[in-house]
Protein backbone atom coordinates (compact mmCIF):
# COMPACT_ATOMS: atom_id res chain seq x y z
CA UNK A 1 0.00 0.00 0.00
CA UNK A 2 1.34 3.41 -0.84
CA UNK A 3 1.57 5.91 1.97
CA UNK A 4 -1.53 8.10 2.17
CA UNK A 5 -1.01 11.84 2.44
CA UNK A 6 -1.36 12.15 6.21
CA UNK A 7 0.68 14.89 7.84
CA UNK A 8 1.70 15.88 11.36
CA UNK A 9 1.66 19.54 12.36
CA UNK A 10 4.73 20.98 14.08
CA UNK A 11 2.70 21.39 17.32
CA UNK A 12 1.60 17.75 17.23
CA UNK A 13 5.14 16.55 16.54
CA UNK A 14 6.48 18.54 19.48
CA UNK A 15 3.81 17.17 21.85
CA UNK A 16 4.29 13.58 20.65
CA UNK A 17 8.05 13.84 21.29
CA UNK A 18 7.31 15.16 24.81
CA UNK A 19 4.85 12.33 25.57
CA UNK A 20 7.09 9.57 24.21
CA UNK A 21 10.09 10.97 26.10
CA UNK A 22 8.11 10.95 29.36
CA UNK A 23 6.94 7.32 28.93
CA UNK A 24 9.78 4.81 29.23
CA UNK A 25 7.71 2.06 27.57
CA UNK A 26 6.64 4.05 24.49
CA UNK A 27 8.53 4.66 21.29
CA UNK A 28 5.76 5.98 19.06
CA UNK A 29 2.25 7.45 18.90
CA UNK A 30 -0.57 5.37 17.39
CA UNK A 31 -3.65 6.83 15.71
CA UNK A 32 -6.58 4.61 14.82
CA UNK A 33 -10.23 4.90 13.83
CA UNK A 34 -12.89 2.84 15.59
CA UNK A 35 -16.63 2.50 15.23
CA UNK A 36 -18.54 4.48 17.84
CA UNK A 37 -18.85 7.98 19.15
CA UNK A 38 -21.82 10.20 18.56
CA UNK A 39 -21.11 10.55 14.81
CA UNK A 40 -20.33 6.93 13.87
CA UNK A 41 -16.54 6.77 14.01
CA UNK A 42 -14.07 8.00 16.58
CA UNK A 43 -10.35 8.66 16.70
CA UNK A 44 -8.18 6.82 19.17
CA UNK A 45 -4.77 8.08 20.27
CA UNK A 46 -2.32 6.02 22.30
CA UNK A 47 1.34 5.61 23.06
CA UNK A 48 2.79 2.34 21.82
CA UNK A 49 6.10 0.53 21.67
CA UNK A 50 5.53 -1.78 18.71
CA UNK A 51 4.41 -1.52 15.13
CA UNK A 52 2.60 -4.09 13.03
CA UNK A 53 4.10 -5.24 9.74
CA UNK A 54 1.44 -3.38 7.75
CA UNK A 55 1.45 -0.12 9.76
CA UNK A 56 2.04 3.12 7.92
CA UNK A 57 4.68 5.19 9.70
CA UNK A 58 4.72 8.96 9.45
CA UNK A 59 7.60 10.97 10.89
CA UNK A 60 8.20 14.63 11.58
CA UNK A 61 10.72 16.42 13.79
CA UNK A 62 11.57 13.27 15.76
CA UNK A 63 7.95 12.15 16.22
CA UNK A 64 6.74 8.84 14.80
CA UNK A 65 3.04 8.10 14.23
CA UNK A 66 1.79 4.62 13.33
CA UNK A 67 -1.53 4.12 11.56
CA UNK A 68 -3.00 0.79 10.51
CA UNK A 69 -4.08 0.53 6.84
CA UNK A 70 -7.83 0.41 7.57
CA UNK A 71 -7.67 3.55 9.72
CA UNK A 72 -5.42 5.23 7.15
CA UNK A 73 -8.19 4.99 4.57
CA UNK A 74 -10.49 7.00 6.87
CA UNK A 75 -7.91 9.75 7.49
CA UNK A 76 -6.31 10.00 4.04
CA UNK A 77 -5.40 13.62 3.36
CA UNK A 78 -5.71 14.60 7.04
CA UNK A 79 -3.46 16.55 9.34
CA UNK A 80 -2.80 15.41 12.90
CA UNK A 81 -2.65 18.52 15.07
CA UNK A 82 -2.34 19.41 18.74
CA UNK A 83 -4.33 22.34 20.12
CA UNK A 84 -4.09 23.96 23.53
CA UNK A 85 -7.22 26.05 24.03
CA UNK A 86 -9.05 27.53 26.97
CA UNK A 87 -11.31 24.44 27.14
CA UNK A 88 -8.34 22.04 27.18
CA UNK A 89 -5.45 20.58 25.25
CA UNK A 90 -5.97 17.71 22.82
CA UNK A 91 -4.91 16.08 19.60
CA UNK A 92 -7.24 16.87 16.69
CA UNK A 93 -7.43 15.47 13.22
CA UNK A 94 -8.34 17.88 10.45
CA UNK A 95 -10.04 15.33 8.20
CA UNK A 96 -11.23 16.44 4.74
CA UNK A 97 -13.17 13.16 4.38
CA UNK A 98 -15.46 13.81 7.34
CA UNK A 99 -18.92 14.96 6.35
CA UNK A 100 -19.95 15.66 9.95
CA UNK A 101 -18.31 15.66 13.35
CA UNK A 102 -19.36 16.08 16.95
CA UNK A 103 -18.78 19.26 18.91
CA UNK A 104 -15.70 17.93 20.70
CA UNK A 105 -14.09 16.80 17.43
CA UNK A 106 -13.31 13.24 18.48
CA UNK A 107 -16.00 11.52 16.43
CA UNK A 108 -16.98 11.91 12.79
CA UNK A 109 -18.98 10.45 9.94
CA UNK A 110 -18.08 9.87 6.31
C-alpha atoms as a PDB file:
ATOM      1  CA  UNK A   1       0.000   0.000   0.000  1.00  0.00           C
ATOM      2  CA  UNK A   2       1.341   3.415  -0.842  1.00  0.00           C
ATOM      3  CA  UNK A   3       1.574   5.914   1.971  1.00  0.00           C
ATOM      4  CA  UNK A   4      -1.529   8.105   2.175  1.00  0.00           C
ATOM      5  CA  UNK A   5      -1.014  11.841   2.443  1.00  0.00           C
ATOM      6  CA  UNK A   6      -1.357  12.147   6.214  1.00  0.00           C
ATOM      7  CA  UNK A   7       0.684  14.894   7.838  1.00  0.00           C
ATOM      8  CA  UNK A   8       1.700  15.882  11.357  1.00  0.00           C
ATOM      9  CA  UNK A   9       1.658  19.540  12.361  1.00  0.00           C
ATOM     10  CA  UNK A  10       4.732  20.981  14.083  1.00  0.00           C
ATOM     11  CA  UNK A  11       2.698  21.386  17.320  1.00  0.00           C
ATOM     12  CA  UNK A  12       1.603  17.748  17.229  1.00  0.00           C
ATOM     13  CA  UNK A  13       5.141  16.548  16.541  1.00  0.00           C
ATOM     14  CA  UNK A  14       6.482  18.543  19.483  1.00  0.00           C
ATOM     15  CA  UNK A  15       3.807  17.169  21.852  1.00  0.00           C
ATOM     16  CA  UNK A  16       4.293  13.582  20.651  1.00  0.00           C
ATOM     17  CA  UNK A  17       8.046  13.836  21.289  1.00  0.00           C
ATOM     18  CA  UNK A  18       7.310  15.158  24.809  1.00  0.00           C
ATOM     19  CA  UNK A  19       4.853  12.331  25.571  1.00  0.00           C
ATOM     20  CA  UNK A  20       7.090   9.566  24.214  1.00  0.00           C
ATOM     21  CA  UNK A  21      10.090  10.972  26.104  1.00  0.00           C
ATOM     22  CA  UNK A  22       8.113  10.948  29.364  1.00  0.00           C
ATOM     23  CA  UNK A  23       6.942   7.323  28.930  1.00  0.00           C
ATOM     24  CA  UNK A  24       9.780   4.808  29.230  1.00  0.00           C
ATOM     25  CA  UNK A  25       7.709   2.059  27.569  1.00  0.00           C
ATOM     26  CA  UNK A  26       6.641   4.048  24.486  1.00  0.00           C
ATOM     27  CA  UNK A  27       8.532   4.665  21.289  1.00  0.00           C
ATOM     28  CA  UNK A  28       5.757   5.983  19.061  1.00  0.00           C
ATOM     29  CA  UNK A  29       2.254   7.449  18.903  1.00  0.00           C
ATOM     30  CA  UNK A  30      -0.567   5.368  17.394  1.00  0.00           C
ATOM     31  CA  UNK A  31      -3.647   6.831  15.710  1.00  0.00           C
ATOM     32  CA  UNK A  32      -6.581   4.608  14.819  1.00  0.00           C
ATOM     33  CA  UNK A  33     -10.227   4.900  13.833  1.00  0.00           C
ATOM     34  CA  UNK A  34     -12.890   2.836  15.592  1.00  0.00           C
ATOM     35  CA  UNK A  35     -16.631   2.497  15.235  1.00  0.00           C
ATOM     36  CA  UNK A  36     -18.543   4.480  17.845  1.00  0.00           C
ATOM     37  CA  UNK A  37     -18.855   7.978  19.154  1.00  0.00           C
ATOM     38  CA  UNK A  38     -21.819  10.202  18.556  1.00  0.00           C
ATOM     39  CA  UNK A  39     -21.112  10.550  14.813  1.00  0.00           C
ATOM     40  CA  UNK A  40     -20.335   6.929  13.865  1.00  0.00           C
ATOM     41  CA  UNK A  41     -16.535   6.772  14.005  1.00  0.00           C
ATOM     42  CA  UNK A  42     -14.066   7.997  16.583  1.00  0.00           C
ATOM     43  CA  UNK A  43     -10.354   8.657  16.704  1.00  0.00           C
ATOM     44  CA  UNK A  44      -8.180   6.815  19.174  1.00  0.00           C
ATOM     45  CA  UNK A  45      -4.771   8.077  20.269  1.00  0.00           C
ATOM     46  CA  UNK A  46      -2.317   6.018  22.297  1.00  0.00           C
ATOM     47  CA  UNK A  47       1.344   5.612  23.061  1.00  0.00           C
ATOM     48  CA  UNK A  48       2.793   2.338  21.822  1.00  0.00           C
ATOM     49  CA  UNK A  49       6.099   0.533  21.668  1.00  0.00           C
ATOM     50  CA  UNK A  50       5.527  -1.778  18.706  1.00  0.00           C
ATOM     51  CA  UNK A  51       4.408  -1.523  15.129  1.00  0.00           C
ATOM     52  CA  UNK A  52       2.597  -4.090  13.033  1.00  0.00           C
ATOM     53  CA  UNK A  53       4.096  -5.239   9.735  1.00  0.00           C
ATOM     54  CA  UNK A  54       1.436  -3.377   7.746  1.00  0.00           C
ATOM     55  CA  UNK A  55       1.446  -0.119   9.760  1.00  0.00           C
ATOM     56  CA  UNK A  56       2.036   3.123   7.924  1.00  0.00           C
ATOM     57  CA  UNK A  57       4.682   5.194   9.696  1.00  0.00           C
ATOM     58  CA  UNK A  58       4.721   8.962   9.452  1.00  0.00           C
ATOM     59  CA  UNK A  59       7.595  10.973  10.886  1.00  0.00           C
ATOM     60  CA  UNK A  60       8.196  14.633  11.584  1.00  0.00           C
ATOM     61  CA  UNK A  61      10.720  16.418  13.787  1.00  0.00           C
ATOM     62  CA  UNK A  62      11.570  13.274  15.764  1.00  0.00           C
ATOM     63  CA  UNK A  63       7.946  12.146  16.221  1.00  0.00           C
ATOM     64  CA  UNK A  64       6.738   8.837  14.797  1.00  0.00           C
ATOM     65  CA  UNK A  65       3.043   8.104  14.233  1.00  0.00           C
ATOM     66  CA  UNK A  66       1.786   4.622  13.327  1.00  0.00           C
ATOM     67  CA  UNK A  67      -1.533   4.120  11.560  1.00  0.00           C
ATOM     68  CA  UNK A  68      -2.999   0.787  10.511  1.00  0.00           C
ATOM     69  CA  UNK A  69      -4.080   0.529   6.838  1.00  0.00           C
ATOM     70  CA  UNK A  70      -7.828   0.413   7.570  1.00  0.00           C
ATOM     71  CA  UNK A  71      -7.671   3.550   9.722  1.00  0.00           C
ATOM     72  CA  UNK A  72      -5.421   5.234   7.148  1.00  0.00           C
ATOM     73  CA  UNK A  73      -8.191   4.992   4.566  1.00  0.00           C
ATOM     74  CA  UNK A  74     -10.487   7.001   6.868  1.00  0.00           C
ATOM     75  CA  UNK A  75      -7.914   9.750   7.494  1.00  0.00           C
ATOM     76  CA  UNK A  76      -6.310  10.001   4.044  1.00  0.00           C
ATOM     77  CA  UNK A  77      -5.403  13.624   3.362  1.00  0.00           C
ATOM     78  CA  UNK A  78      -5.708  14.597   7.040  1.00  0.00           C
ATOM     79  CA  UNK A  79      -3.459  16.554   9.344  1.00  0.00           C
ATOM     80  CA  UNK A  80      -2.796  15.412  12.901  1.00  0.00           C
ATOM     81  CA  UNK A  81      -2.653  18.522  15.065  1.00  0.00           C
ATOM     82  CA  UNK A  82      -2.341  19.414  18.737  1.00  0.00           C
ATOM     83  CA  UNK A  83      -4.333  22.337  20.117  1.00  0.00           C
ATOM     84  CA  UNK A  84      -4.095  23.958  23.525  1.00  0.00           C
ATOM     85  CA  UNK A  85      -7.220  26.045  24.027  1.00  0.00           C
ATOM     86  CA  UNK A  86      -9.046  27.528  26.967  1.00  0.00           C
ATOM     87  CA  UNK A  87     -11.306  24.441  27.138  1.00  0.00           C
ATOM     88  CA  UNK A  88      -8.338  22.044  27.178  1.00  0.00           C
ATOM     89  CA  UNK A  89      -5.451  20.582  25.245  1.00  0.00           C
ATOM     90  CA  UNK A  90      -5.965  17.713  22.821  1.00  0.00           C
ATOM     91  CA  UNK A  91      -4.914  16.085  19.601  1.00  0.00           C
ATOM     92  CA  UNK A  92      -7.237  16.870  16.692  1.00  0.00           C
ATOM     93  CA  UNK A  93      -7.429  15.470  13.218  1.00  0.00           C
ATOM     94  CA  UNK A  94      -8.343  17.880  10.447  1.00  0.00           C
ATOM     95  CA  UNK A  95     -10.042  15.333   8.198  1.00  0.00           C
ATOM     96  CA  UNK A  96     -11.234  16.437   4.740  1.00  0.00           C
ATOM     97  CA  UNK A  97     -13.166  13.155   4.380  1.00  0.00           C
ATOM     98  CA  UNK A  98     -15.459  13.806   7.345  1.00  0.00           C
ATOM     99  CA  UNK A  99     -18.921  14.960   6.352  1.00  0.00           C
ATOM    100  CA  UNK A 100     -19.948  15.661   9.949  1.00  0.00           C
ATOM    101  CA  UNK A 101     -18.314  15.658  13.350  1.00  0.00           C
ATOM    102  CA  UNK A 102     -19.360  16.077  16.951  1.00  0.00           C
ATOM    103  CA  UNK A 103     -18.780  19.260  18.910  1.00  0.00           C
ATOM    104  CA  UNK A 104     -15.698  17.931  20.698  1.00  0.00           C
ATOM    105  CA  UNK A 105     -14.094  16.799  17.428  1.00  0.00           C
ATOM    106  CA  UNK A 106     -13.309  13.241  18.484  1.00  0.00           C
ATOM    107  CA  UNK A 107     -15.996  11.518  16.426  1.00  0.00           C
ATOM    108  CA  UNK A 108     -16.978  11.914  12.793  1.00  0.00           C
ATOM    109  CA  UNK A 109     -18.976  10.447   9.939  1.00  0.00           C
ATOM    110  CA  UNK A 110     -18.080   9.869   6.310  1.00  0.00           C
END
